[in-house]
Amino acid sequence: MIKFVYQNEPKGTGDAVLKCQKLLKGKYFLMLLPDDLIINKNCSKEMINLHKRKKGSIIATKTVSRKSISRWGILSIKNKNKSFFEIKNVVEKPKLNNAPSNYAIIGRYILPTKIMKEIKLLKPGRGNEIHITDAIRNLIKNGEKFYGNIFKGKYLDCGTLSGYIDSGLKISKKY
């Protein structure tokens, strides 16, 4: 069953998540952003398997070019291995010289429902929006475990007009 919740004004990912609070059950939920497509491998399945092993929150990630760092939420990492790492911190759209790595957040998350309490405490940040990354940062500071899943699928960015058009072409050729 799919239920829709509308965000009538663009107030950020934190605000969008908060609007879903009444629909969420259990300790964790999976959030997928519609402008980030991952094809060829099931990223959500990878994340769920990592969540089961680590008993923590998971964020999909991949490396991005240094010149595009300021477009992304960027992860500060520790204890990296081939397919995942523990996250020390998150920085929303940093300038290149303030970026802790070039591992970007790609729009797939397994988040704890307790993030709702953190979101409610947030003040609007950059762009006058409530950023989910601010709530994640606060949870990490309070000892919540977050892991970056270096996914194996192919990433298609639909967040720009050219990326949207290019993604449509790639998908139509595949299917």
Protein backbone atom coordinates (compact mmCIF):
# COMPACT_ATOMS: atom_id res chain seq x y z
CA MET A 1 0.00 0.00 0.00
CA ILE A 2 1.30 3.44 -0.90
CA LYS A 3 0.13 6.57 0.89
CA PHE A 4 0.98 10.09 -0.20
CA VAL A 5 1.66 13.06 2.04
CA TYR A 6 1.95 16.46 0.41
CA GLN A 7 4.40 19.17 1.30
CA ASN A 8 2.58 22.27 0.04
CA GLU A 9 5.63 24.52 0.35
CA PRO A 10 9.29 23.52 -0.17
CA LYS A 11 10.49 23.69 3.44
CA GLY A 12 13.20 21.03 3.22
CA THR A 13 13.60 17.29 3.65
CA GLY A 14 13.20 17.51 7.43
CA ASP A 15 9.79 19.14 7.06
CA ALA A 16 8.75 16.53 4.46
CA VAL A 17 9.72 13.67 6.79
CA LEU A 18 7.89 15.25 9.70
CA LYS A 19 4.69 15.31 7.64
CA CYS A 20 4.90 11.48 7.42
CA GLN A 21 5.26 10.92 11.16
CA LYS A 22 1.72 9.56 11.73
CA LEU A 23 2.21 6.93 9.00
CA LEU A 24 5.44 5.47 10.37
CA LYS A 25 5.52 2.37 12.54
CA GLY A 26 8.45 0.64 14.17
CA LYS A 27 11.91 1.92 15.13
CA TYR A 28 13.22 2.60 11.60
CA PHE A 29 11.88 3.64 8.20
CA LEU A 30 13.23 3.70 4.64
CA MET A 31 13.23 7.07 2.84
CA LEU A 32 13.87 7.38 -0.91
CA LEU A 33 14.22 10.75 -2.66
CA PRO A 34 12.62 10.73 -6.12
CA ASP A 35 15.32 12.71 -7.94
CA ASP A 36 18.04 10.13 -7.20
CA LEU A 37 17.66 6.94 -9.23
CA ILE A 38 19.82 3.88 -8.69
CA ILE A 39 19.54 1.14 -11.31
CA ASN A 40 21.17 -2.26 -12.06
CA LYS A 41 21.44 -3.30 -8.36
CA ASN A 42 18.85 -2.99 -5.62
CA CYS A 43 20.35 -0.31 -3.34
CA SER A 44 17.48 -0.52 -0.84
CA LYS A 45 18.05 -4.25 -0.41
CA GLU A 46 21.79 -3.63 0.18
CA MET A 47 20.92 -1.02 2.80
CA ILE A 48 18.41 -3.26 4.58
CA ASN A 49 21.00 -6.06 4.77
CA LEU A 50 23.60 -3.65 6.22
CA HIS A 51 21.01 -2.31 8.69
CA LYS A 52 20.28 -5.87 9.87
CA ARG A 53 24.02 -6.52 10.37
CA LYS A 54 24.91 -3.23 12.05
CA LYS A 55 21.64 -2.46 13.88
CA GLY A 56 21.98 1.21 12.95
CA SER A 57 20.87 3.85 10.49
CA ILE A 58 22.09 3.69 6.89
CA ILE A 59 22.71 6.35 4.24
CA ALA A 60 23.43 5.50 0.58
CA THR A 61 26.66 7.10 -0.62
CA LYS A 62 29.07 7.36 -3.51
CA THR A 63 32.09 9.47 -4.30
CA VAL A 64 31.49 12.63 -6.31
CA SER A 65 33.90 14.92 -8.11
CA ARG A 66 35.55 17.54 -5.91
CA LYS A 67 34.18 20.33 -8.13
CA SER A 68 30.56 19.28 -7.44
CA ILE A 69 30.90 18.89 -3.64
CA SER A 70 28.79 21.98 -2.86
CA ARG A 71 25.73 20.34 -4.49
CA TRP A 72 25.62 17.51 -1.94
CA GLY A 73 25.33 16.57 1.69
CA ILE A 74 28.83 15.23 2.43
CA LEU A 75 29.84 12.54 4.94
CA SER A 76 32.74 12.55 7.36
CA ILE A 77 33.91 8.95 7.58
CA LYS A 78 35.72 6.51 9.88
CA ASN A 79 36.49 2.80 9.76
CA LYS A 80 35.96 2.51 5.99
CA ASN A 81 35.97 -0.84 4.23
CA LYS A 82 35.03 -1.88 0.69
CA SER A 83 31.25 -1.51 0.93
CA PHE A 84 30.48 0.67 3.97
CA PHE A 85 31.86 2.90 6.70
CA GLU A 86 30.78 4.48 9.95
CA ILE A 87 29.70 8.11 9.63
CA LYS A 88 31.31 10.63 12.00
CA ASN A 89 29.40 13.67 10.77
CA VAL A 90 27.34 15.13 7.91
CA VAL A 91 27.74 18.55 6.31
CA GLU A 92 25.01 19.99 4.10
CA LYS A 93 26.39 21.39 0.82
CA PRO A 94 29.80 22.51 2.09
CA LYS A 95 32.30 24.64 0.24
CA LEU A 96 35.11 22.54 -1.23
CA ASN A 97 37.67 23.52 1.44
CA ASN A 98 35.18 22.65 4.23
CA ALA A 99 34.24 19.22 2.87
CA PRO A 100 35.37 16.33 5.11
CA SER A 101 35.42 13.87 2.14
CA ASN A 102 33.94 13.45 -1.30
CA TYR A 103 31.41 10.82 -0.18
CA ALA A 104 28.01 12.32 -0.99
CA ILE A 105 24.61 11.45 0.42
CA ILE A 106 22.51 9.85 -2.29
CA GLY A 107 18.76 9.99 -1.62
CA ARG A 108 18.31 6.68 0.21
CA TYR A 109 18.14 6.50 4.00
CA ILE A 110 17.18 4.07 6.73
CA LEU A 111 16.42 6.40 9.63
CA PRO A 112 15.27 5.90 13.21
CA THR A 113 11.76 7.17 13.96
CA LYS A 114 13.29 9.04 16.92
CA ILE A 115 14.63 11.50 14.32
CA MET A 116 11.19 13.18 14.51
CA LYS A 117 12.06 14.63 17.94
CA GLU A 118 15.27 16.09 16.50
CA ILE A 119 13.51 17.57 13.48
CA LYS A 120 10.97 19.32 15.72
CA LEU A 121 13.83 21.07 17.54
CA LEU A 122 15.46 22.41 14.35
CA LYS A 123 15.36 25.98 13.14
CA PRO A 124 15.38 26.60 9.37
CA GLY A 125 18.91 26.58 7.93
CA ARG A 126 20.35 27.26 4.48
CA GLY A 127 17.63 28.31 2.03
CA ASN A 128 15.23 28.75 4.98
CA GLU A 129 14.67 24.97 4.96
CA ILE A 130 14.66 22.27 7.62
CA HIS A 131 17.47 19.93 6.61
CA ILE A 132 17.36 16.24 7.50
CA THR A 133 21.17 16.37 7.68
CA ASP A 134 20.97 18.69 10.70
CA ALA A 135 18.79 16.16 12.55
CA ILE A 136 21.15 13.33 11.52
CA ARG A 137 24.16 15.31 12.79
CA ASN A 138 22.45 15.80 16.16
CA LEU A 139 21.67 12.09 16.45
CA ILE A 140 25.29 11.19 15.64
CA LYS A 141 26.51 13.63 18.31
CA ASN A 142 24.18 11.89 20.77
CA GLY A 143 25.69 8.47 20.02
CA GLU A 144 23.32 7.11 17.35
CA LYS A 145 25.20 4.88 14.88
CA PHE A 146 25.00 5.81 11.19
CA TYR A 147 26.70 3.93 8.36
CA GLY A 148 27.38 4.90 4.77
CA ASN A 149 26.47 2.17 2.28
CA ILE A 150 28.72 2.45 -0.80
CA PHE A 151 26.12 1.05 -3.18
CA LYS A 152 26.91 -1.04 -6.24
CA GLY A 153 24.18 0.16 -8.63
CA LYS A 154 24.43 2.87 -11.27
CA TYR A 155 23.40 6.32 -10.08
CA LEU A 156 21.26 8.62 -12.24
CA ASP A 157 20.85 12.22 -11.05
CA CYS A 158 17.42 13.61 -11.96
CA GLY A 159 17.85 16.76 -9.86
CA THR A 160 18.68 19.01 -12.80
CA LEU A 161 16.90 19.39 -16.13
CA SER A 162 19.83 17.94 -18.08
CA GLY A 163 20.16 15.07 -15.56
CA TYR A 164 16.46 14.34 -15.82
CA ILE A 165 16.58 14.20 -19.62
CA ASP A 166 19.78 12.12 -19.62
CA SER A 167 18.31 9.68 -17.06
CA GLY A 168 15.17 9.23 -19.17
CA LEU A 169 17.28 8.43 -22.22
CA LYS A 170 19.45 5.92 -20.32
CA ILE A 171 16.44 4.16 -18.83
CA SER A 172 14.59 4.00 -22.16
CA LYS A 173 17.64 2.33 -23.79
CA LYS A 174 17.88 -0.21 -20.96
CA TYR A 175 14.23 -1.26 -21.08
